[in-house]
Amino acid sequence: WELLVATILSAQCSDAQVNRVTPELFRRYPTPEHLARAEPAEVEPLIRSIGLFRGKARNLVATARALVERHGGEVPADRGALEALPGVGRKTASVVLAQAFGIPAFPVDTHVGRVCHRLGFAPRPEPRTVEAAVTPLLPPGRWNLAHLLLIRHGREVCHARRPACNRCPVARWCPWPHRAKP
């Protein structure tokens, strides 16, 4: 439940910001049943510092209600059921499947898309393109680890604007034409 909520909140937002608002959010709404009884306007002040907070508050309440009504208050371990929840797309569903249930999934966020595109694994950084290009290259049991390592590389080395190519362990093999030459 907490992972699902945090991942919904993380869209267009830093993990640090999500981590600042979730303690109070979960104190007030520790389960889907609790949040299902709330109105979005009650949730908004708790997440106001997060971008797109009004839409996220609506989605969180609607998701909680759907979990209670359709899934007995439990987060489903099924991609289709997850993606049917308000505010849950492929990336959020993949994160929940991989992290909460240990089901092989390859979540593609902006970091993963950027790194895979720059390294030449995918022709474009779009999530579905990256997922389709990268998952056949790895055994399913390694998808989540690859996702986590690519996120870290994207955050710490292969930045969007000014990548630290001089610190990149794979720079010599990187085909990205704009990389800084060692």
N, C-alpha and C. Protein backbone atom coordinates (compact mmCIF):
# COMPACT_ATOMS: atom_id res chain seq x y z
N TRP A 1 0.83 -1.19 0.00
CA TRP A 1 0.00 0.00 0.00
C TRP A 1 0.87 1.26 0.00
N GLU A 2 1.84 1.30 0.91
CA GLU A 2 2.68 2.49 0.99
C GLU A 2 3.53 2.68 -0.26
N LEU A 3 4.03 1.59 -0.82
CA LEU A 3 4.81 1.69 -2.06
C LEU A 3 3.94 2.21 -3.20
N LEU A 4 2.73 1.70 -3.31
CA LEU A 4 1.82 2.17 -4.37
C LEU A 4 1.57 3.67 -4.23
N VAL A 5 1.25 4.11 -3.04
CA VAL A 5 0.97 5.53 -2.81
C VAL A 5 2.20 6.38 -3.12
N ALA A 6 3.35 5.97 -2.61
CA ALA A 6 4.58 6.74 -2.83
C ALA A 6 4.93 6.81 -4.31
N THR A 7 4.69 5.74 -5.03
CA THR A 7 5.02 5.73 -6.46
C THR A 7 4.05 6.62 -7.24
N ILE A 8 2.79 6.62 -6.87
CA ILE A 8 1.84 7.54 -7.50
C ILE A 8 2.28 8.99 -7.24
N LEU A 9 2.69 9.28 -6.03
CA LEU A 9 3.13 10.64 -5.69
C LEU A 9 4.41 11.04 -6.40
N SER A 10 5.23 10.07 -6.76
CA SER A 10 6.56 10.37 -7.30
C SER A 10 6.57 10.90 -8.73
N ALA A 11 5.45 10.83 -9.43
CA ALA A 11 5.41 11.33 -10.80
C ALA A 11 5.74 12.82 -10.82
N GLN A 12 6.73 13.21 -11.63
CA GLN A 12 7.15 14.60 -11.75
C GLN A 12 7.57 15.19 -10.41
N CYS A 13 8.19 14.37 -9.56
CA CYS A 13 8.55 14.81 -8.22
C CYS A 13 9.75 14.00 -7.74
N SER A 14 10.56 14.60 -6.90
CA SER A 14 11.74 13.88 -6.39
C SER A 14 11.35 12.93 -5.26
N ASP A 15 12.14 11.90 -5.09
CA ASP A 15 11.92 10.96 -3.99
C ASP A 15 12.02 11.69 -2.65
N ALA A 16 12.95 12.64 -2.56
CA ALA A 16 13.13 13.38 -1.31
C ALA A 16 11.84 14.12 -0.93
N GLN A 17 11.20 14.72 -1.91
CA GLN A 17 9.95 15.44 -1.63
C GLN A 17 8.86 14.46 -1.21
N VAL A 18 8.76 13.33 -1.89
CA VAL A 18 7.77 12.32 -1.52
C VAL A 18 8.02 11.85 -0.08
N ASN A 19 9.29 11.62 0.24
CA ASN A 19 9.63 11.16 1.59
C ASN A 19 9.31 12.19 2.67
N ARG A 20 9.22 13.46 2.31
CA ARG A 20 8.86 14.49 3.28
C ARG A 20 7.37 14.47 3.60
N VAL A 21 6.53 14.10 2.62
CA VAL A 21 5.08 14.18 2.86
C VAL A 21 4.46 12.86 3.30
N THR A 22 5.09 11.74 2.99
CA THR A 22 4.43 10.46 3.28
C THR A 22 4.30 10.11 4.76
N PRO A 23 5.22 10.49 5.64
CA PRO A 23 5.00 10.11 7.05
C PRO A 23 3.66 10.61 7.60
N GLU A 24 3.34 11.87 7.38
CA GLU A 24 2.07 12.40 7.88
C GLU A 24 0.89 11.81 7.11
N LEU A 25 1.05 11.63 5.82
CA LEU A 25 -0.02 11.03 5.01
C LEU A 25 -0.36 9.63 5.53
N PHE A 26 0.66 8.82 5.80
CA PHE A 26 0.41 7.45 6.27
C PHE A 26 -0.02 7.41 7.74
N ARG A 27 0.35 8.43 8.50
CA ARG A 27 -0.13 8.50 9.88
C ARG A 27 -1.65 8.70 9.87
N ARG A 28 -2.11 9.56 8.99
CA ARG A 28 -3.55 9.84 8.93
C ARG A 28 -4.33 8.78 8.16
N TYR A 29 -3.70 8.20 7.15
CA TYR A 29 -4.38 7.23 6.28
C TYR A 29 -3.50 5.99 6.13
N PRO A 30 -3.42 5.16 7.16
CA PRO A 30 -2.50 4.02 7.13
C PRO A 30 -2.92 2.87 6.21
N THR A 31 -4.18 2.84 5.81
CA THR A 31 -4.67 1.74 4.97
C THR A 31 -5.56 2.30 3.85
N PRO A 32 -5.80 1.50 2.83
CA PRO A 32 -6.75 1.94 1.80
C PRO A 32 -8.13 2.26 2.38
N GLU A 33 -8.55 1.49 3.38
CA GLU A 33 -9.86 1.73 3.99
C GLU A 33 -9.94 3.14 4.60
N HIS A 34 -8.88 3.56 5.26
CA HIS A 34 -8.87 4.90 5.85
C HIS A 34 -8.93 5.98 4.77
N LEU A 35 -8.12 5.84 3.75
CA LEU A 35 -8.07 6.86 2.69
C LEU A 35 -9.35 6.86 1.86
N ALA A 36 -9.98 5.70 1.71
CA ALA A 36 -11.22 5.61 0.93
C ALA A 36 -12.34 6.44 1.54
N ARG A 37 -12.26 6.68 2.85
CA ARG A 37 -13.29 7.47 3.53
C ARG A 37 -13.02 8.98 3.45
N ALA A 38 -11.87 9.35 2.92
CA ALA A 38 -11.49 10.77 2.84
C ALA A 38 -12.00 11.39 1.55
N GLU A 39 -11.96 12.70 1.52
CA GLU A 39 -12.23 13.46 0.31
C GLU A 39 -10.90 14.01 -0.18
N PRO A 40 -10.74 14.16 -1.49
CA PRO A 40 -9.48 14.71 -2.01
C PRO A 40 -9.07 16.02 -1.34
N ALA A 41 -10.03 16.88 -1.03
CA ALA A 41 -9.71 18.16 -0.39
C ALA A 41 -9.06 17.98 0.98
N GLU A 42 -9.30 16.85 1.63
CA GLU A 42 -8.67 16.57 2.92
C GLU A 42 -7.22 16.10 2.74
N VAL A 43 -6.94 15.51 1.60
CA VAL A 43 -5.60 14.99 1.31
C VAL A 43 -4.70 16.09 0.74
N GLU A 44 -5.27 16.99 0.00
CA GLU A 44 -4.49 18.04 -0.68
C GLU A 44 -3.52 18.79 0.23
N PRO A 45 -3.93 19.25 1.42
CA PRO A 45 -2.98 19.99 2.26
C PRO A 45 -1.76 19.15 2.67
N LEU A 46 -1.93 17.86 2.76
CA LEU A 46 -0.84 16.98 3.17
C LEU A 46 0.20 16.81 2.07
N ILE A 47 -0.22 16.96 0.82
CA ILE A 47 0.70 16.74 -0.30
C ILE A 47 0.89 18.00 -1.15
N ARG A 48 0.49 19.14 -0.63
CA ARG A 48 0.52 20.40 -1.38
C ARG A 48 1.91 20.73 -1.93
N SER A 49 2.96 20.32 -1.23
CA SER A 49 4.32 20.65 -1.67
C SER A 49 4.78 19.81 -2.86
N ILE A 50 3.97 18.85 -3.25
CA ILE A 50 4.29 17.98 -4.39
C ILE A 50 3.59 18.53 -5.63
N GLY A 51 4.27 18.48 -6.74
CA GLY A 51 3.68 18.93 -7.99
C GLY A 51 2.42 18.15 -8.33
N LEU A 52 1.48 18.83 -8.97
CA LEU A 52 0.23 18.22 -9.43
C LEU A 52 -0.57 17.63 -8.26
N PHE A 53 -0.52 18.29 -7.11
CA PHE A 53 -1.09 17.72 -5.88
C PHE A 53 -2.59 17.51 -5.95
N ARG A 54 -3.32 18.36 -6.66
CA ARG A 54 -4.78 18.19 -6.71
C ARG A 54 -5.16 16.90 -7.44
N GLY A 55 -4.55 16.70 -8.60
CA GLY A 55 -4.83 15.47 -9.35
C GLY A 55 -4.36 14.23 -8.61
N LYS A 56 -3.23 14.34 -7.95
CA LYS A 56 -2.72 13.20 -7.19
C LYS A 56 -3.62 12.89 -6.00
N ALA A 57 -4.14 13.91 -5.34
CA ALA A 57 -5.07 13.68 -4.23
C ALA A 57 -6.32 12.97 -4.72
N ARG A 58 -6.85 13.43 -5.86
CA ARG A 58 -8.03 12.76 -6.45
C ARG A 58 -7.72 11.30 -6.76
N ASN A 59 -6.56 11.06 -7.40
CA ASN A 59 -6.20 9.70 -7.77
C ASN A 59 -5.97 8.81 -6.55
N LEU A 60 -5.34 9.35 -5.52
CA LEU A 60 -5.09 8.54 -4.32
C LEU A 60 -6.40 8.10 -3.67
N VAL A 61 -7.33 9.02 -3.53
CA VAL A 61 -8.62 8.67 -2.92
C VAL A 61 -9.36 7.68 -3.81
N ALA A 62 -9.39 7.93 -5.11
CA ALA A 62 -10.08 7.02 -6.04
C ALA A 62 -9.42 5.65 -6.05
N THR A 63 -8.09 5.60 -5.99
CA THR A 63 -7.38 4.32 -5.94
C THR A 63 -7.72 3.58 -4.66
N ALA A 64 -7.72 4.28 -3.53
CA ALA A 64 -8.07 3.64 -2.26
C ALA A 64 -9.47 3.06 -2.32
N ARG A 65 -10.40 3.81 -2.87
CA ARG A 65 -11.79 3.32 -2.99
C ARG A 65 -11.86 2.10 -3.90
N ALA A 66 -11.12 2.13 -5.00
CA ALA A 66 -11.11 0.98 -5.92
C ALA A 66 -10.49 -0.24 -5.24
N LEU A 67 -9.44 -0.04 -4.47
CA LEU A 67 -8.82 -1.18 -3.77
C LEU A 67 -9.81 -1.80 -2.79
N VAL A 68 -10.54 -0.97 -2.07
CA VAL A 68 -11.52 -1.47 -1.10
C VAL A 68 -12.67 -2.17 -1.81
N GLU A 69 -13.20 -1.55 -2.85
CA GLU A 69 -14.38 -2.08 -3.54
C GLU A 69 -14.07 -3.31 -4.40
N ARG A 70 -12.93 -3.31 -5.08
CA ARG A 70 -12.64 -4.37 -6.04
C ARG A 70 -11.64 -5.40 -5.56
N HIS A 71 -10.83 -5.05 -4.56
CA HIS A 71 -9.73 -5.94 -4.18
C HIS A 71 -9.65 -6.21 -2.68
N GLY A 72 -10.75 -5.98 -1.98
CA GLY A 72 -10.77 -6.26 -0.55
C GLY A 72 -9.76 -5.45 0.25
N GLY A 73 -9.39 -4.29 -0.25
CA GLY A 73 -8.43 -3.44 0.45
C GLY A 73 -6.98 -3.83 0.24
N GLU A 74 -6.74 -4.80 -0.63
CA GLU A 74 -5.38 -5.28 -0.90
C GLU A 74 -4.88 -4.74 -2.24
N VAL A 75 -3.58 -4.52 -2.31
CA VAL A 75 -2.97 -4.12 -3.58
C VAL A 75 -2.83 -5.38 -4.44
N PRO A 76 -3.38 -5.39 -5.65
CA PRO A 76 -3.31 -6.59 -6.48
C PRO A 76 -1.91 -6.82 -7.05
N ALA A 77 -1.58 -8.08 -7.22
CA ALA A 77 -0.28 -8.46 -7.80
C ALA A 77 -0.46 -8.81 -9.27
N ASP A 78 -1.22 -7.99 -9.97
CA ASP A 78 -1.55 -8.24 -11.37
C ASP A 78 -1.44 -6.92 -12.13
N ARG A 79 -0.67 -6.92 -13.22
CA ARG A 79 -0.44 -5.69 -13.98
C ARG A 79 -1.75 -5.06 -14.45
N GLY A 80 -2.64 -5.83 -15.03
CA GLY A 80 -3.89 -5.28 -15.53
C GLY A 80 -4.72 -4.64 -14.44
N ALA A 81 -4.81 -5.31 -13.30
CA ALA A 81 -5.58 -4.76 -12.17
C ALA A 81 -4.92 -3.50 -11.63
N LEU A 82 -3.60 -3.48 -11.57
CA LEU A 82 -2.90 -2.28 -11.11
C LEU A 82 -3.11 -1.12 -12.07
N GLU A 83 -2.94 -1.37 -13.36
CA GLU A 83 -3.07 -0.30 -14.34
C GLU A 83 -4.50 0.21 -14.47
N ALA A 84 -5.46 -0.55 -13.97
CA ALA A 84 -6.86 -0.10 -13.98
C ALA A 84 -7.14 0.88 -12.83
N LEU A 85 -6.21 1.01 -11.90
CA LEU A 85 -6.39 1.93 -10.78
C LEU A 85 -6.11 3.36 -11.23
N PRO A 86 -6.87 4.33 -10.72
CA PRO A 86 -6.65 5.74 -11.10
C PRO A 86 -5.24 6.21 -10.75
N GLY A 87 -4.58 6.83 -11.70
CA GLY A 87 -3.24 7.36 -11.47
C GLY A 87 -2.13 6.34 -11.56
N VAL A 88 -2.46 5.11 -11.95
CA VAL A 88 -1.44 4.06 -12.05
C VAL A 88 -1.22 3.72 -13.51
N GLY A 89 -0.02 3.99 -13.98
CA GLY A 89 0.36 3.65 -15.34
C GLY A 89 1.32 2.48 -15.33
N ARG A 90 1.92 2.25 -16.45
CA ARG A 90 2.81 1.10 -16.61
C ARG A 90 4.01 1.16 -15.66
N LYS A 91 4.62 2.34 -15.52
CA LYS A 91 5.79 2.44 -14.65
C LYS A 91 5.43 2.15 -13.20
N THR A 92 4.37 2.76 -12.70
CA THR A 92 3.95 2.53 -11.32
C THR A 92 3.60 1.07 -11.10
N ALA A 93 2.87 0.48 -12.04
CA ALA A 93 2.53 -0.94 -11.92
C ALA A 93 3.79 -1.79 -11.89
N SER A 94 4.74 -1.48 -12.74
CA SER A 94 5.99 -2.25 -12.78
C SER A 94 6.77 -2.12 -11.48
N VAL A 95 6.82 -0.92 -10.91
CA VAL A 95 7.52 -0.73 -9.63
C VAL A 95 6.87 -1.59 -8.55
N VAL A 96 5.55 -1.55 -8.47
CA VAL A 96 4.84 -2.32 -7.44
C VAL A 96 5.04 -3.82 -7.65
N LEU A 97 4.91 -4.27 -8.89
CA LEU A 97 5.09 -5.70 -9.17
C LEU A 97 6.49 -6.16 -8.76
N ALA A 98 7.51 -5.40 -9.16
CA ALA A 98 8.89 -5.80 -8.90
C ALA A 98 9.27 -5.66 -7.43
N GLN A 99 8.96 -4.51 -6.85
CA GLN A 99 9.42 -4.22 -5.49
C GLN A 99 8.56 -4.88 -4.41
N ALA A 100 7.26 -4.87 -4.58
CA ALA A 100 6.37 -5.39 -3.54
C ALA A 100 6.13 -6.89 -3.66
N PHE A 101 6.11 -7.39 -4.89
CA PHE A 101 5.73 -8.79 -5.09
C PHE A 101 6.84 -9.66 -5.67
N GLY A 102 7.95 -9.07 -6.04
CA GLY A 102 9.05 -9.85 -6.61
C GLY A 102 8.72 -10.44 -7.98
N ILE A 103 7.77 -9.84 -8.66
CA ILE A 103 7.38 -10.30 -10.00
C ILE A 103 8.25 -9.56 -11.01
N PRO A 104 8.90 -10.27 -11.93
CA PRO A 104 9.77 -9.59 -12.88
C PRO A 104 9.05 -8.48 -13.65
N ALA A 105 9.64 -7.31 -13.58
CA ALA A 105 9.13 -6.14 -14.30
C ALA A 105 10.30 -5.19 -14.49
N PHE A 106 10.23 -4.38 -15.53
CA PHE A 106 11.30 -3.43 -15.83
C PHE A 106 10.72 -2.03 -15.89
N PRO A 107 10.61 -1.35 -14.75
CA PRO A 107 10.06 0.00 -14.75
C PRO A 107 11.00 0.95 -15.48
N VAL A 108 10.44 1.80 -16.31
CA VAL A 108 11.24 2.77 -17.05
C VAL A 108 10.80 4.17 -16.66
N ASP A 109 11.67 4.86 -15.92
CA ASP A 109 11.43 6.26 -15.60
C ASP A 109 12.33 7.12 -16.49
N THR A 110 12.40 8.41 -16.23
CA THR A 110 13.19 9.28 -17.09
C THR A 110 14.68 8.93 -17.05
N HIS A 111 15.17 8.52 -15.87
CA HIS A 111 16.59 8.17 -15.76
C HIS A 111 16.91 6.92 -16.59
N VAL A 112 16.10 5.89 -16.41
CA VAL A 112 16.31 4.63 -17.15
C VAL A 112 16.20 4.88 -18.65
N GLY A 113 15.20 5.64 -19.06
CA GLY A 113 15.03 5.94 -20.48
C GLY A 113 16.21 6.69 -21.06
N ARG A 114 16.68 7.70 -20.34
CA ARG A 114 17.82 8.50 -20.81
C ARG A 114 19.08 7.65 -20.92
N VAL A 115 19.40 6.89 -19.88
CA VAL A 115 20.64 6.09 -19.89
C VAL A 115 20.59 5.03 -20.98
N CYS A 116 19.47 4.32 -21.10
CA CYS A 116 19.37 3.27 -22.12
C CYS A 116 19.45 3.85 -23.53
N HIS A 117 18.86 5.02 -23.73
CA HIS A 117 18.94 5.67 -25.04
C HIS A 117 20.37 6.11 -25.34
N ARG A 118 21.01 6.76 -24.39
CA ARG A 118 22.37 7.24 -24.62
C ARG A 118 23.35 6.10 -24.84
N LEU A 119 23.14 4.99 -24.15
CA LEU A 119 24.04 3.84 -24.31
C LEU A 119 23.74 3.04 -25.58
N GLY A 120 22.69 3.42 -26.29
CA GLY A 120 22.38 2.77 -27.55
C GLY A 120 21.53 1.52 -27.43
N PHE A 121 20.98 1.27 -26.25
CA PHE A 121 20.12 0.10 -26.08
C PHE A 121 18.73 0.32 -26.68
N ALA A 122 18.33 1.58 -26.80
CA ALA A 122 17.00 1.90 -27.33
C ALA A 122 17.12 3.10 -28.27
N PRO A 123 16.37 3.08 -29.37
CA PRO A 123 16.46 4.18 -30.34
C PRO A 123 15.89 5.50 -29.82
N ARG A 124 15.02 5.43 -28.84
CA ARG A 124 14.40 6.62 -28.24
C ARG A 124 14.26 6.38 -26.74
N PRO A 125 14.17 7.45 -25.94
CA PRO A 125 14.06 7.27 -24.50
C PRO A 125 12.64 7.00 -23.98
N GLU A 126 11.67 6.85 -24.86
CA GLU A 126 10.30 6.62 -24.43
C GLU A 126 10.18 5.28 -23.69
N PRO A 127 9.40 5.24 -22.61
CA PRO A 127 9.34 4.04 -21.77
C PRO A 127 9.02 2.73 -22.49
N ARG A 128 7.99 2.71 -23.32
CA ARG A 128 7.65 1.43 -23.99
C ARG A 128 8.75 0.99 -24.95
N THR A 129 9.36 1.95 -25.63
CA THR A 129 10.45 1.64 -26.55
C THR A 129 11.63 1.05 -25.79
N VAL A 130 11.98 1.68 -24.68
CA VAL A 130 13.11 1.21 -23.86
C VAL A 130 12.81 -0.18 -23.30
N GLU A 131 11.63 -0.35 -22.76
CA GLU A 131 11.26 -1.65 -22.19
C GLU A 131 11.33 -2.75 -23.25
N ALA A 132 10.78 -2.47 -24.42
CA ALA A 132 10.78 -3.47 -25.50
C ALA A 132 12.19 -3.79 -25.98
N ALA A 133 13.08 -2.80 -25.94
CA ALA A 133 14.45 -3.02 -26.41
C ALA A 133 15.33 -3.70 -25.37
N VAL A 134 15.13 -3.39 -24.10
CA VAL A 134 16.05 -3.86 -23.06
C VAL A 134 15.65 -5.20 -22.46
N THR A 135 14.37 -5.46 -22.26
CA THR A 135 13.99 -6.70 -21.58
C THR A 135 14.45 -7.97 -22.30
N PRO A 136 14.50 -8.00 -23.63
CA PRO A 136 15.02 -9.22 -24.26
C PRO A 136 16.52 -9.45 -24.02
N LEU A 137 17.22 -8.41 -23.59
CA LEU A 137 18.67 -8.52 -23.39
C LEU A 137 19.04 -9.13 -22.04
N LEU A 138 18.07 -9.18 -21.12
CA LEU A 138 18.34 -9.66 -19.77
C LEU A 138 17.36 -10.74 -19.36
N PRO A 139 17.80 -11.66 -18.49
CA PRO A 139 16.83 -12.62 -17.96
C PRO A 139 15.83 -11.88 -17.06
N PRO A 140 14.58 -12.27 -17.05
CA PRO A 140 13.56 -11.57 -16.26
C PRO A 140 13.94 -11.37 -14.79
N GLY A 141 14.65 -12.32 -14.22
CA GLY A 141 15.06 -12.19 -12.83
C GLY A 141 16.04 -11.06 -12.57
N ARG A 142 16.60 -10.47 -13.62
CA ARG A 142 17.56 -9.36 -13.48
C ARG A 142 16.96 -7.99 -13.83
N TRP A 143 15.71 -7.97 -14.29
CA TRP A 143 15.10 -6.71 -14.72
C TRP A 143 15.06 -5.67 -13.61
N ASN A 144 14.62 -6.06 -12.42
CA ASN A 144 14.50 -5.09 -11.34
C ASN A 144 15.86 -4.55 -10.92
N LEU A 145 16.85 -5.42 -10.81
CA LEU A 145 18.20 -4.96 -10.46
C LEU A 145 18.73 -4.00 -11.53
N ALA A 146 18.53 -4.34 -12.79
CA ALA A 146 18.97 -3.46 -13.88
C ALA A 146 18.28 -2.10 -13.76
N HIS A 147 17.00 -2.12 -13.50
CA HIS A 147 16.23 -0.87 -13.32
C HIS A 147 16.84 -0.02 -12.20
N LEU A 148 17.12 -0.63 -11.06
CA LEU A 148 17.68 0.11 -9.92
C LEU A 148 19.07 0.67 -10.23
N LEU A 149 19.90 -0.14 -10.89
CA LEU A 149 21.25 0.32 -11.24
C LEU A 149 21.22 1.44 -12.27
N LEU A 150 20.32 1.33 -13.24
CA LEU A 150 20.20 2.38 -14.26
C LEU A 150 19.69 3.69 -13.66
N ILE A 151 18.77 3.61 -12.72
CA ILE A 151 18.30 4.82 -12.03
C ILE A 151 19.47 5.48 -11.31
N ARG A 152 20.22 4.68 -10.58
CA ARG A 152 21.35 5.24 -9.83
C ARG A 152 22.37 5.89 -10.78
N HIS A 153 22.65 5.21 -11.88
CA HIS A 153 23.60 5.76 -12.85
C HIS A 153 23.07 7.07 -13.43
N GLY A 154 21.79 7.11 -13.74
CA GLY A 154 21.19 8.32 -14.28
C GLY A 154 21.18 9.48 -13.29
N ARG A 155 20.97 9.18 -12.03
CA ARG A 155 20.95 10.23 -11.00
C ARG A 155 22.34 10.73 -10.65
N GLU A 156 23.30 9.81 -10.60
CA GLU A 156 24.62 10.17 -10.09
C GLU A 156 25.65 10.50 -11.17
N VAL A 157 25.48 9.97 -12.37
CA VAL A 157 26.51 10.15 -13.40
C VAL A 157 25.92 10.70 -14.70
N CYS A 158 24.98 10.01 -15.27
CA CYS A 158 24.46 10.35 -16.60
C CYS A 158 23.27 11.32 -16.47
N HIS A 159 23.57 12.52 -15.96
CA HIS A 159 22.55 13.54 -15.73
C HIS A 159 21.94 14.00 -17.05
N ALA A 160 20.74 14.53 -16.97
CA ALA A 160 20.05 14.99 -18.18
C ALA A 160 20.80 16.13 -18.86
N ARG A 161 21.20 17.14 -18.11
CA ARG A 161 21.79 18.33 -18.72
C ARG A 161 23.31 18.27 -18.83
N ARG A 162 23.97 17.89 -17.78
CA ARG A 162 25.44 17.89 -17.80
C ARG A 162 25.94 16.56 -17.26
N PRO A 163 25.95 15.53 -18.09
CA PRO A 163 26.41 14.23 -17.61
C PRO A 163 27.88 14.27 -17.21
N ALA A 164 28.20 13.52 -16.18
CA ALA A 164 29.58 13.45 -15.69
C ALA A 164 30.30 12.31 -16.40
N CYS A 165 30.50 12.48 -17.69
CA CYS A 165 31.11 11.43 -18.51
C CYS A 165 32.50 11.05 -18.02
N ASN A 166 33.20 12.00 -17.41
CA ASN A 166 34.54 11.72 -16.90
C ASN A 166 34.51 10.73 -15.72
N ARG A 167 33.35 10.56 -15.09
CA ARG A 167 33.21 9.61 -13.98
C ARG A 167 32.46 8.35 -14.40
N CYS A 168 32.10 8.25 -15.65
CA CYS A 168 31.27 7.14 -16.11
C CYS A 168 32.10 5.88 -16.36
N PRO A 169 31.73 4.78 -15.72
CA PRO A 169 32.50 3.55 -15.90
C PRO A 169 32.33 2.91 -17.28
N VAL A 170 31.35 3.35 -18.05
CA VAL A 170 31.15 2.77 -19.38
C VAL A 170 31.33 3.82 -20.48
N ALA A 171 31.95 4.94 -20.17
CA ALA A 171 32.11 6.03 -21.14
C ALA A 171 32.81 5.59 -22.41
N ARG A 172 33.79 4.74 -22.29
CA ARG A 172 34.55 4.35 -23.50
C ARG A 172 33.69 3.58 -24.50
N TRP A 173 32.60 2.99 -24.05
CA TRP A 173 31.71 2.24 -24.95
C TRP A 173 30.45 3.03 -25.30
N CYS A 174 30.31 4.21 -24.74
CA CYS A 174 29.08 4.99 -24.91
C CYS A 174 29.02 5.61 -26.31
N PRO A 175 27.97 5.30 -27.07
CA PRO A 175 27.85 5.85 -28.42
C PRO A 175 27.18 7.22 -28.48
N TRP A 176 26.76 7.76 -27.34
CA TRP A 176 26.04 9.04 -27.34
C TRP A 176 26.94 10.11 -27.93
N PRO A 177 26.50 10.76 -29.00
CA PRO A 177 27.38 11.70 -29.72
C PRO A 177 27.74 12.96 -28.94
N HIS A 178 26.99 13.29 -27.90
CA HIS A 178 27.24 14.52 -27.15
C HIS A 178 28.03 14.29 -25.87
N ARG A 179 28.48 13.08 -25.68
CA ARG A 179 29.20 12.80 -24.43
C ARG A 179 30.53 13.52 -24.41
N ALA A 180 30.98 13.81 -23.22
CA ALA A 180 32.29 14.44 -23.06
C ALA A 180 33.35 13.38 -23.33
N LYS A 181 34.28 13.70 -24.17
CA LYS A 181 35.33 12.72 -24.52
C LYS A 181 36.35 12.65 -23.39
N PRO A 182 36.76 11.42 -23.04
CA PRO A 182 37.73 11.27 -21.94
C PRO A 182 39.11 11.79 -22.32
